[in-house]
C-alpha atoms as a PDB file:
ATOM      1  CA  MET A   1      45.004  65.145 -10.047  1.00  0.00           C
ATOM      2  CA  ASN A   2      44.062  61.742  -8.915  1.00  0.00           C
ATOM      3  CA  ASN A   3      40.365  61.083  -9.403  1.00  0.00           C
ATOM      4  CA  THR A   4      40.297  57.500  -8.109  1.00  0.00           C
ATOM      5  CA  HIS A   5      38.081  57.283  -5.098  1.00  0.00           C
ATOM      6  CA  ASN A   6      39.108  55.350  -2.053  1.00  0.00           C
ATOM      7  CA  LEU A   7      36.442  52.882  -1.090  1.00  0.00           C
ATOM      8  CA  HIS A   8      36.938  53.896   2.578  1.00  0.00           C
ATOM      9  CA  ASP A   9      35.964  57.452   1.741  1.00  0.00           C
ATOM     10  CA  LYS A  10      32.998  58.190   3.851  1.00  0.00           C
ATOM     11  CA  ARG A  11      30.852  59.239   0.917  1.00  0.00           C
ATOM     12  CA  LEU A  12      31.341  55.815  -0.713  1.00  0.00           C
ATOM     13  CA  ALA A  13      31.398  53.819   2.558  1.00  0.00           C
ATOM     14  CA  ASP A  14      28.040  55.186   3.440  1.00  0.00           C
ATOM     15  CA  ALA A  15      26.579  54.048   0.189  1.00  0.00           C
ATOM     16  CA  TRP A  16      27.600  50.461   0.853  1.00  0.00           C
ATOM     17  CA  ALA A  17      26.666  50.427   4.576  1.00  0.00           C
ATOM     18  CA  THR A  18      23.099  49.412   4.046  1.00  0.00           C
ATOM     19  CA  LEU A  19      23.981  46.813   1.491  1.00  0.00           C
ATOM     20  CA  GLN A  20      26.626  45.152   3.903  1.00  0.00           C
ATOM     21  CA  ALA A  21      24.128  45.276   6.831  1.00  0.00           C
ATOM     22  CA  HIS A  22      21.557  43.423   4.919  1.00  0.00           C
ATOM     23  CA  ALA A  23      23.991  40.945   3.580  1.00  0.00           C
ATOM     24  CA  ASP A  24      25.384  40.268   7.071  1.00  0.00           C
ATOM     25  CA  GLN A  25      21.936  39.669   8.468  1.00  0.00           C
ATOM     26  CA  GLY A  26      20.688  37.757   5.447  1.00  0.00           C
ATOM     27  CA  LEU A  27      17.864  40.211   4.884  1.00  0.00           C
ATOM     28  CA  PRO A  28      16.253  41.023   1.609  1.00  0.00           C
ATOM     29  CA  LEU A  29      16.975  44.392   0.059  1.00  0.00           C
ATOM     30  CA  ASP A  30      13.847  46.476  -0.436  1.00  0.00           C
ATOM     31  CA  PRO A  31      13.602  49.032  -3.125  1.00  0.00           C
ATOM     32  CA  ASP A  32      14.709  52.442  -1.854  1.00  0.00           C
ATOM     33  CA  PRO A  33      14.414  55.576  -4.116  1.00  0.00           C
ATOM     34  CA  SER A  34      16.775  57.495  -1.730  1.00  0.00           C
ATOM     35  CA  ARG A  35      19.587  54.944  -2.165  1.00  0.00           C
ATOM     36  CA  ILE A  36      22.636  56.119  -4.205  1.00  0.00           C
ATOM     37  CA  ALA A  37      22.149  54.783  -7.704  1.00  0.00           C
ATOM     38  CA  PHE A  38      25.577  53.012  -8.128  1.00  0.00           C
ATOM     39  CA  ALA A  39      25.054  51.156  -4.794  1.00  0.00           C
ATOM     40  CA  ASP A  40      21.536  50.086  -5.577  1.00  0.00           C
ATOM     41  CA  PRO A  41      21.299  46.552  -6.894  1.00  0.00           C
ATOM     42  CA  GLU A  42      17.482  46.837  -7.455  1.00  0.00           C
ATOM     43  CA  PHE A  43      18.286  49.615  -9.854  1.00  0.00           C
ATOM     44  CA  LEU A  44      21.341  48.191 -11.531  1.00  0.00           C
ATOM     45  CA  LEU A  45      19.587  44.910 -12.332  1.00  0.00           C
ATOM     46  CA  ARG A  46      16.685  46.562 -14.039  1.00  0.00           C
ATOM     47  CA  ARG A  47      16.186  45.856 -17.842  1.00  0.00           C
ATOM     48  CA  GLU A  48      16.789  49.578 -18.583  1.00  0.00           C
ATOM     49  CA  THR A  49      20.266  49.490 -17.092  1.00  0.00           C
ATOM     50  CA  ARG A  50      21.478  46.478 -19.031  1.00  0.00           C
ATOM     51  CA  GLY A  51      23.670  48.810 -21.174  1.00  0.00           C
ATOM     52  CA  ILE A  52      25.381  50.124 -18.075  1.00  0.00           C
ATOM     53  CA  ARG A  53      26.072  46.565 -16.883  1.00  0.00           C
ATOM     54  CA  MET A  54      27.626  45.594 -20.162  1.00  0.00           C
ATOM     55  CA  GLN A  55      29.764  48.694 -20.153  1.00  0.00           C
ATOM     56  CA  LEU A  56      30.963  47.816 -16.593  1.00  0.00           C
ATOM     57  CA  GLU A  57      31.896  44.243 -17.710  1.00  0.00           C
ATOM     58  CA  LEU A  58      33.860  45.779 -20.590  1.00  0.00           C
ATOM     59  CA  MET A  59      35.670  48.283 -18.423  1.00  0.00           C
ATOM     60  CA  LYS A  60      36.508  46.327 -15.293  1.00  0.00           C
ATOM     61  CA  PRO A  61      38.800  43.611 -16.891  1.00  0.00           C
ATOM     62  CA  ASP A  62      40.213  46.145 -19.335  1.00  0.00           C
ATOM     63  CA  ILE A  63      41.423  48.439 -16.577  1.00  0.00           C
ATOM     64  CA  GLU A  64      42.801  45.697 -14.450  1.00  0.00           C
ATOM     65  CA  GLN A  65      44.699  44.111 -17.354  1.00  0.00           C
ATOM     66  CA  ARG A  66      46.293  47.439 -18.315  1.00  0.00           C
ATOM     67  CA  ALA A  67      47.257  47.980 -14.672  1.00  0.00           C
ATOM     68  CA  HIS A  68      49.157  44.546 -14.837  1.00  0.00           C
ATOM     69  CA  GLY A  69      50.729  45.171 -18.203  1.00  0.00           C
ATOM     70  CA  ILE A  70      48.526  42.724 -20.200  1.00  0.00           C
ATOM     71  CA  GLU A  71      48.545  43.978 -23.682  1.00  0.00           C
ATOM     72  CA  ASN A  72      49.242  40.841 -25.787  1.00  0.00           C
ATOM     73  CA  THR A  73      47.623  37.509 -25.076  1.00  0.00           C
ATOM     74  CA  VAL A  74      47.738  33.974 -26.562  1.00  0.00           C
ATOM     75  CA  VAL A  75      44.199  32.649 -26.227  1.00  0.00           C
ATOM     76  CA  VAL A  76      43.725  28.946 -25.605  1.00  0.00           C
ATOM     77  CA  PHE A  77      40.442  27.185 -25.933  1.00  0.00           C
ATOM     78  CA  GLY A  78      39.690  23.450 -25.158  1.00  0.00           C
ATOM     79  CA  SER A  79      37.476  21.089 -23.374  1.00  0.00           C
ATOM     80  CA  ALA A  80      36.637  21.773 -19.798  1.00  0.00           C
ATOM     81  CA  ARG A  81      36.132  18.030 -19.245  1.00  0.00           C
ATOM     82  CA  PHE A  82      39.680  16.753 -19.874  1.00  0.00           C
ATOM     83  CA  ARG A  83      41.765  16.039 -16.753  1.00  0.00           C
ATOM     84  CA  SER A  84      45.399  15.305 -15.997  1.00  0.00           C
ATOM     85  CA  GLU A  85      46.506  11.689 -16.225  1.00  0.00           C
ATOM     86  CA  GLU A  86      46.596  11.478 -12.473  1.00  0.00           C
ATOM     87  CA  ASP A  87      43.137  12.927 -11.930  1.00  0.00           C
ATOM     88  CA  ALA A  88      41.636  10.870 -14.713  1.00  0.00           C
ATOM     89  CA  ALA A  89      43.086   7.574 -13.184  1.00  0.00           C
ATOM     90  CA  ALA A  90      41.657   8.697  -9.777  1.00  0.00           C
ATOM     91  CA  MET A  91      38.248   9.217 -11.150  1.00  0.00           C
ATOM     92  CA  ILE A  92      38.215   5.937 -12.800  1.00  0.00           C
ATOM     93  CA  ALA A  93      39.295   4.185  -9.654  1.00  0.00           C
ATOM     94  CA  GLN A  94      36.593   6.004  -7.686  1.00  0.00           C
ATOM     95  CA  ALA A  95      33.893   5.091 -10.160  1.00  0.00           C
ATOM     96  CA  GLU A  96      34.892   1.422 -10.249  1.00  0.00           C
ATOM     97  CA  LEU A  97      35.027   1.297  -6.319  1.00  0.00           C
ATOM     98  CA  SER A  98      31.495   2.672  -6.160  1.00  0.00           C
ATOM     99  CA  GLY A  99      30.417   0.147  -8.835  1.00  0.00           C
ATOM    100  CA  ASP A 100      29.142   2.933 -11.190  1.00  0.00           C
ATOM    101  CA  THR A 101      29.791   1.339 -14.543  1.00  0.00           C
ATOM    102  CA  ALA A 102      28.381   4.226 -16.549  1.00  0.00           C
ATOM    103  CA  ALA A 103      30.729   6.683 -14.758  1.00  0.00           C
ATOM    104  CA  SER A 104      33.725   4.387 -15.073  1.00  0.00           C
ATOM    105  CA  GLU A 105      33.092   4.078 -18.785  1.00  0.00           C
ATOM    106  CA  ARG A 106      32.704   7.842 -19.198  1.00  0.00           C
ATOM    107  CA  TRP A 107      36.006   8.632 -17.291  1.00  0.00           C
ATOM    108  CA  ARG A 108      37.787   5.898 -19.389  1.00  0.00           C
ATOM    109  CA  ARG A 109      36.620   7.674 -22.470  1.00  0.00           C
ATOM    110  CA  LEU A 110      37.800  11.135 -21.237  1.00  0.00           C
ATOM    111  CA  ALA A 111      41.027   9.622 -20.082  1.00  0.00           C
ATOM    112  CA  ARG A 112      41.982   8.836 -23.639  1.00  0.00           C
ATOM    113  CA  ASN A 113      42.391  12.604 -24.074  1.00  0.00           C
ATOM    114  CA  SER A 114      44.425  13.235 -20.949  1.00  0.00           C
ATOM    115  CA  HIS A 115      47.487  13.705 -23.079  1.00  0.00           C
ATOM    116  CA  TYR A 116      45.931  16.928 -24.410  1.00  0.00           C
ATOM    117  CA  TYR A 117      45.905  18.242 -20.794  1.00  0.00           C
ATOM    118  CA  GLU A 118      49.689  17.561 -20.468  1.00  0.00           C
ATOM    119  CA  LYS A 119      50.349  19.137 -23.824  1.00  0.00           C
ATOM    120  CA  ALA A 120      48.309  22.229 -23.021  1.00  0.00           C
ATOM    121  CA  ARG A 121      50.270  22.610 -19.838  1.00  0.00           C
ATOM    122  CA  ALA A 122      53.528  22.320 -21.658  1.00  0.00           C
ATOM    123  CA  PHE A 123      52.444  24.951 -24.131  1.00  0.00           C
ATOM    124  CA  GLY A 124      51.490  27.368 -21.516  1.00  0.00           C
ATOM    125  CA  LYS A 125      54.839  26.987 -19.831  1.00  0.00           C
ATOM    126  CA  LEU A 126      56.632  27.631 -23.129  1.00  0.00           C
ATOM    127  CA  VAL A 127      54.798  30.934 -23.677  1.00  0.00           C
ATOM    128  CA  ALA A 128      55.480  32.116 -20.026  1.00  0.00           C
ATOM    129  CA  GLN A 129      59.199  31.240 -20.275  1.00  0.00           C
ATOM    130  CA  TYR A 130      59.451  33.039 -23.411  1.00  0.00           C
ATOM    131  CA  SER A 131      57.983  36.191 -21.911  1.00  0.00           C
ATOM    132  CA  ASN A 132      59.765  36.319 -18.611  1.00  0.00           C
ATOM    133  CA  ASP A 133      62.771  38.284 -19.766  1.00  0.00           C
ATOM    134  CA  ARG A 134      61.126  40.366 -22.534  1.00  0.00           C
ATOM    135  CA  GLU A 135      60.364  44.034 -22.512  1.00  0.00           C
ATOM    136  CA  PRO A 136      56.768  44.833 -21.438  1.00  0.00           C
ATOM    137  CA  GLN A 137      55.681  45.634 -24.933  1.00  0.00           C
ATOM    138  CA  ASP A 138      56.996  42.236 -26.189  1.00  0.00           C
ATOM    139  CA  LYS A 139      55.516  39.980 -23.597  1.00  0.00           C
ATOM    140  CA  LEU A 140      52.844  37.409 -24.352  1.00  0.00           C
ATOM    141  CA  PHE A 141      50.459  36.185 -21.687  1.00  0.00           C
ATOM    142  CA  ILE A 142      48.228  33.113 -21.608  1.00  0.00           C
ATOM    143  CA  CYS A 143      44.513  33.806 -21.566  1.00  0.00           C
ATOM    144  CA  THR A 144      41.891  31.197 -21.087  1.00  0.00           C
ATOM    145  CA  GLY A 145      38.208  30.766 -20.151  1.00  0.00           C
ATOM    146  CA  GLY A 146      39.486  30.274 -16.486  1.00  0.00           C
ATOM    147  CA  GLY A 147      37.773  26.935 -15.989  1.00  0.00           C
ATOM    148  CA  PRO A 148      38.916  23.302 -15.553  1.00  0.00           C
ATOM    149  CA  GLY A 149      40.274  21.009 -18.186  1.00  0.00           C
ATOM    150  CA  ILE A 150      42.442  22.493 -20.922  1.00  0.00           C
ATOM    151  CA  MET A 151      41.994  25.893 -19.526  1.00  0.00           C
ATOM    152  CA  GLN A 152      43.322  24.849 -16.178  1.00  0.00           C
ATOM    153  CA  ALA A 153      46.138  22.987 -17.866  1.00  0.00           C
ATOM    154  CA  THR A 154      47.332  26.001 -19.811  1.00  0.00           C
ATOM    155  CA  ASN A 155      47.083  28.431 -16.867  1.00  0.00           C
ATOM    156  CA  ARG A 156      48.870  25.784 -14.833  1.00  0.00           C
ATOM    157  CA  GLY A 157      51.810  25.697 -17.325  1.00  0.00           C
ATOM    158  CA  ALA A 158      52.020  29.458 -17.380  1.00  0.00           C
ATOM    159  CA  HIS A 159      52.124  29.528 -13.581  1.00  0.00           C
ATOM    160  CA  GLU A 160      54.902  26.891 -13.554  1.00  0.00           C
ATOM    161  CA  GLY A 161      56.780  28.878 -16.068  1.00  0.00           C
ATOM    162  CA  GLY A 162      56.694  31.896 -13.764  1.00  0.00           C
ATOM    163  CA  GLY A 163      54.300  34.052 -15.704  1.00  0.00           C
ATOM    164  CA  LEU A 164      51.015  35.835 -15.207  1.00  0.00           C
ATOM    165  CA  SER A 165      47.960  34.415 -16.895  1.00  0.00           C
ATOM    166  CA  VAL A 166      44.401  35.628 -17.475  1.00  0.00           C
ATOM    167  CA  GLY A 167      41.123  33.721 -16.843  1.00  0.00           C
ATOM    168  CA  LEU A 168      37.835  34.990 -18.307  1.00  0.00           C
ATOM    169  CA  ALA A 169      35.201  32.901 -16.701  1.00  0.00           C
ATOM    170  CA  ILE A 170      31.517  32.897 -17.413  1.00  0.00           C
ATOM    171  CA  ALA A 171      28.615  32.631 -14.860  1.00  0.00           C
ATOM    172  CA  LEU A 172      26.683  29.465 -15.748  1.00  0.00           C
ATOM    173  CA  PRO A 173      24.157  27.201 -13.979  1.00  0.00           C
ATOM    174  CA  MET A 174      26.812  24.478 -13.698  1.00  0.00           C
ATOM    175  CA  GLU A 175      29.586  26.973 -12.996  1.00  0.00           C
ATOM    176  CA  GLU A 176      32.772  25.960 -11.258  1.00  0.00           C
ATOM    177  CA  GLU A 177      35.264  28.169  -9.453  1.00  0.00           C
ATOM    178  CA  ALA A 178      38.065  29.559 -11.532  1.00  0.00           C
ATOM    179  CA  ASN A 179      40.860  27.220 -11.587  1.00  0.00           C
ATOM    180  CA  PRO A 180      43.652  27.921  -9.036  1.00  0.00           C
ATOM    181  CA  TYR A 181      46.391  28.654 -11.640  1.00  0.00           C
ATOM    182  CA  VAL A 182      44.915  31.820 -13.070  1.00  0.00           C
ATOM    183  CA  THR A 183      46.694  34.811 -11.555  1.00  0.00           C
ATOM    184  CA  PRO A 184      44.236  36.069  -8.752  1.00  0.00           C
ATOM    185  CA  ALA A 185      44.285  39.662  -9.922  1.00  0.00           C
ATOM    186  CA  LEU A 186      43.391  38.574 -13.476  1.00  0.00           C
ATOM    187  CA  SER A 187      40.630  36.082 -12.719  1.00  0.00           C
ATOM    188  CA  PHE A 188      37.402  37.747 -14.080  1.00  0.00           C
ATOM    189  CA  LYS A 189      33.847  36.496 -14.279  1.00  0.00           C
ATOM    190  CA  PHE A 190      31.431  37.634 -16.884  1.00  0.00           C
ATOM    191  CA  HIS A 191      27.542  37.423 -17.226  1.00  0.00           C
ATOM    192  CA  TYR A 192      27.462  38.494 -20.962  1.00  0.00           C
ATOM    193  CA  PHE A 193      28.958  36.047 -23.439  1.00  0.00           C
ATOM    194  CA  ALA A 194      29.261  38.926 -25.963  1.00  0.00           C
ATOM    195  CA  ILE A 195      31.511  41.049 -23.710  1.00  0.00           C
ATOM    196  CA  ARG A 196      33.635  38.019 -22.754  1.00  0.00           C
ATOM    197  CA  LYS A 197      34.111  37.300 -26.461  1.00  0.00           C
ATOM    198  CA  MET A 198      35.231  40.944 -26.973  1.00  0.00           C
ATOM    199  CA  HIS A 199      37.908  40.599 -24.190  1.00  0.00           C
ATOM    200  CA  PHE A 200      39.207  37.379 -25.786  1.00  0.00           C
ATOM    201  CA  MET A 201      39.829  39.268 -29.009  1.00  0.00           C
ATOM    202  CA  MET A 202      40.901  42.652 -27.687  1.00  0.00           C
ATOM    203  CA  ARG A 203      44.399  41.494 -26.768  1.00  0.00           C
ATOM    204  CA  ALA A 204      44.778  38.227 -28.739  1.00  0.00           C
ATOM    205  CA  LYS A 205      47.803  37.894 -30.798  1.00  0.00           C
ATOM    206  CA  ALA A 206      47.216  34.130 -31.437  1.00  0.00           C
ATOM    207  CA  LEU A 207      44.507  31.490 -30.796  1.00  0.00           C
ATOM    208  CA  VAL A 208      45.281  27.810 -30.001  1.00  0.00           C
ATOM    209  CA  ALA A 209      42.212  25.569 -30.076  1.00  0.00           C
ATOM    210  CA  PHE A 210      42.612  22.215 -28.377  1.00  0.00           C
ATOM    211  CA  PRO A 211      39.952  19.497 -28.723  1.00  0.00           C
ATOM    212  CA  GLY A 212      36.669  20.497 -27.265  1.00  0.00           C
ATOM    213  CA  GLY A 213      32.906  20.765 -27.605  1.00  0.00           C
ATOM    214  CA  PHE A 214      30.296  23.414 -28.303  1.00  0.00           C
ATOM    215  CA  GLY A 215      32.073  26.106 -26.320  1.00  0.00           C
ATOM    216  CA  THR A 216      35.358  25.552 -28.093  1.00  0.00           C
ATOM    217  CA  LEU A 217      33.729  25.365 -31.609  1.00  0.00           C
ATOM    218  CA  ASP A 218      31.788  28.601 -30.760  1.00  0.00           C
ATOM    219  CA  GLU A 219      34.881  30.484 -29.872  1.00  0.00           C
ATOM    220  CA  LEU A 220      36.964  28.971 -32.737  1.00  0.00           C
ATOM    221  CA  PHE A 221      34.462  29.980 -35.431  1.00  0.00           C
ATOM    222  CA  GLU A 222      34.056  33.348 -33.972  1.00  0.00           C
ATOM    223  CA  VAL A 223      37.745  34.070 -34.392  1.00  0.00           C
ATOM    224  CA  ILE A 224      37.889  32.510 -37.796  1.00  0.00           C
ATOM    225  CA  THR A 225      34.878  34.545 -39.060  1.00  0.00           C
ATOM    226  CA  LEU A 226      36.343  37.764 -37.671  1.00  0.00           C
ATOM    227  CA  VAL A 227      39.610  37.194 -39.486  1.00  0.00           C
ATOM    228  CA  GLN A 228      37.980  35.913 -42.637  1.00  0.00           C
ATOM    229  CA  THR A 229      35.713  38.986 -42.846  1.00  0.00           C
ATOM    230  CA  LYS A 230      38.613  41.225 -42.011  1.00  0.00           C
ATOM    231  CA  LYS A 231      36.806  42.562 -38.906  1.00  0.00           C
ATOM    232  CA  SER A 232      39.959  41.604 -36.950  1.00  0.00           C
ATOM    233  CA  LYS A 233      43.588  41.627 -37.919  1.00  0.00           C
ATOM    234  CA  PRO A 234      45.078  38.280 -39.039  1.00  0.00           C
ATOM    235  CA  VAL A 235      46.340  36.223 -36.205  1.00  0.00           C
ATOM    236  CA  PRO A 236      47.784  32.755 -36.156  1.00  0.00           C
ATOM    237  CA  ILE A 237      44.968  30.298 -35.535  1.00  0.00           C
ATOM    238  CA  VAL A 238      46.377  26.885 -34.467  1.00  0.00           C
ATOM    239  CA  LEU A 239      44.284  23.736 -34.317  1.00  0.00           C
ATOM    240  CA  PHE A 240      45.977  21.448 -31.834  1.00  0.00           C
ATOM    241  CA  GLY A 241      45.399  17.685 -32.515  1.00  0.00           C
ATOM    242  CA  SER A 242      45.152  17.131 -36.239  1.00  0.00           C
ATOM    243  CA  ASP A 243      43.379  13.793 -36.085  1.00  0.00           C
ATOM    244  CA  TYR A 244      40.617  15.262 -33.902  1.00  0.00           C
ATOM    245  CA  TRP A 245      40.011  18.293 -35.980  1.00  0.00           C
ATOM    246  CA  LYS A 246      40.099  16.549 -39.411  1.00  0.00           C
ATOM    247  CA  ARG A 247      37.698  14.003 -38.198  1.00  0.00           C
ATOM    248  CA  LEU A 248      35.393  16.584 -36.603  1.00  0.00           C
ATOM    249  CA  ILE A 249      35.219  19.102 -39.423  1.00  0.00           C
ATOM    250  CA  ASP A 250      35.709  18.398 -43.070  1.00  0.00           C
ATOM    251  CA  PHE A 251      36.845  21.876 -44.288  1.00  0.00           C
ATOM    252  CA  ASP A 252      37.607  20.595 -47.824  1.00  0.00           C
ATOM    253  CA  PHE A 253      34.011  19.676 -48.111  1.00  0.00           C
ATOM    254  CA  LEU A 254      33.097  23.352 -47.359  1.00  0.00           C
ATOM    255  CA  VAL A 255      35.417  24.364 -50.134  1.00  0.00           C
ATOM    256  CA  ASP A 256      34.034  21.767 -52.556  1.00  0.00           C
ATOM    257  CA  GLU A 257      30.516  23.070 -51.842  1.00  0.00           C
ATOM    258  CA  GLY A 258      31.520  26.613 -52.463  1.00  0.00           C
ATOM    259  CA  VAL A 259      30.444  27.908 -49.039  1.00  0.00           C
ATOM    260  CA  ILE A 260      34.003  29.037 -48.160  1.00  0.00           C
ATOM    261  CA  SER A 261      36.936  30.082 -50.451  1.00  0.00           C
ATOM    262  CA  PRO A 262      40.082  27.785 -50.963  1.00  0.00           C
ATOM    263  CA  GLY A 263      42.166  30.493 -49.296  1.00  0.00           C
ATOM    264  CA  ASP A 264      39.992  30.331 -46.130  1.00  0.00           C
ATOM    265  CA  VAL A 265      41.559  26.906 -45.158  1.00  0.00           C
ATOM    266  CA  LYS A 266      45.000  28.881 -44.910  1.00  0.00           C
ATOM    267  CA  LEU A 267      43.629  30.931 -42.052  1.00  0.00           C
ATOM    268  CA  PHE A 268      44.619  28.097 -39.643  1.00  0.00           C
ATOM    269  CA  GLU A 269      47.003  25.297 -39.302  1.00  0.00           C
ATOM    270  CA  TYR A 270      47.208  21.872 -37.564  1.00  0.00           C
ATOM    271  CA  VAL A 271      49.840  20.835 -35.047  1.00  0.00           C
ATOM    272  CA  ASP A 272      50.347  17.985 -32.670  1.00  0.00           C
ATOM    273  CA  ALA A 273      53.064  19.116 -30.256  1.00  0.00           C
ATOM    274  CA  PRO A 274      53.351  22.121 -27.891  1.00  0.00           C
ATOM    275  CA  GLU A 275      56.650  23.097 -29.574  1.00  0.00           C
ATOM    276  CA  ASP A 276      54.896  23.162 -32.993  1.00  0.00           C
ATOM    277  CA  ALA A 277      52.068  25.401 -31.804  1.00  0.00           C
ATOM    278  CA  TRP A 278      54.643  27.753 -30.178  1.00  0.00           C
ATOM    279  CA  SER A 279      56.703  27.628 -33.489  1.00  0.00           C
ATOM    280  CA  ALA A 280      53.679  28.566 -35.517  1.00  0.00           C
ATOM    281  CA  ILE A 281      53.183  31.736 -33.483  1.00  0.00           C
ATOM    282  CA  LYS A 282      57.019  32.606 -33.475  1.00  0.00           C
ATOM    283  CA  ARG A 283      57.063  32.206 -37.252  1.00  0.00           C
ATOM    284  CA  PHE A 284      53.910  34.360 -37.817  1.00  0.00           C
ATOM    285  CA  TYR A 285      55.492  37.312 -35.945  1.00  0.00           C
ATOM    286  CA  LYS A 286      59.155  36.458 -36.701  1.00  0.00           C
ATOM    287  CA  LEU A 287      60.066  36.311 -33.103  1.00  0.00           C
END
């Protein structure tokens, strides 16, 4: 028996009719106790229904990914600010043309890291090409935060490699639209960081962290901590760009101070080429 409701079913359509009418006319939606609960934003956005909202954010991407055969992912993090070499050059030229010295300097600084965009793009393509002719249970899919920069580059590479890829975006004040290379049916947006983090890990078979800022560090240490504390199964954790990561974080200092164990630095490895990142994953799983 199929229990999936058709949204055109009159019982459901009627529940949405008032909402659509208000939206079309730009009218505010007044509280209405008689409105069906699941079609009542005033009710769903109450503090008391937060648990329901979190549950829905957990369920929707899970159901859609299962429907598309997404069971195993390679999660890629990295700066949203890096651009392709062409885009970076264009932004520098635009800033110089406008006489904005500060913007020009900023884009020149970011342009130094454009090579990471190209390497992330190449890595995404490698993963997609590997999976194209594999059985469903053996396929690996790129999963990113869905935004610009390194995320766009990796989704772009997967797209160019002929594969599906996932984007888990987050609603932020300075939010941008999901990058155009995420598979449309697998482009999700979250309100709750915690639920988004769960989705990154639920299907992750590897993590590749490119250079980035607070967001990248947040996700990286989340994964390392989960593996270190055995709350998650071991997965290959790859730090792409050895010079960047070794300058940014002195892990040996943490060992010397006794705040992490010597074996903890073996939870991850450094690489500098897309092929090496992919080889680390293949080696871990004996692909």
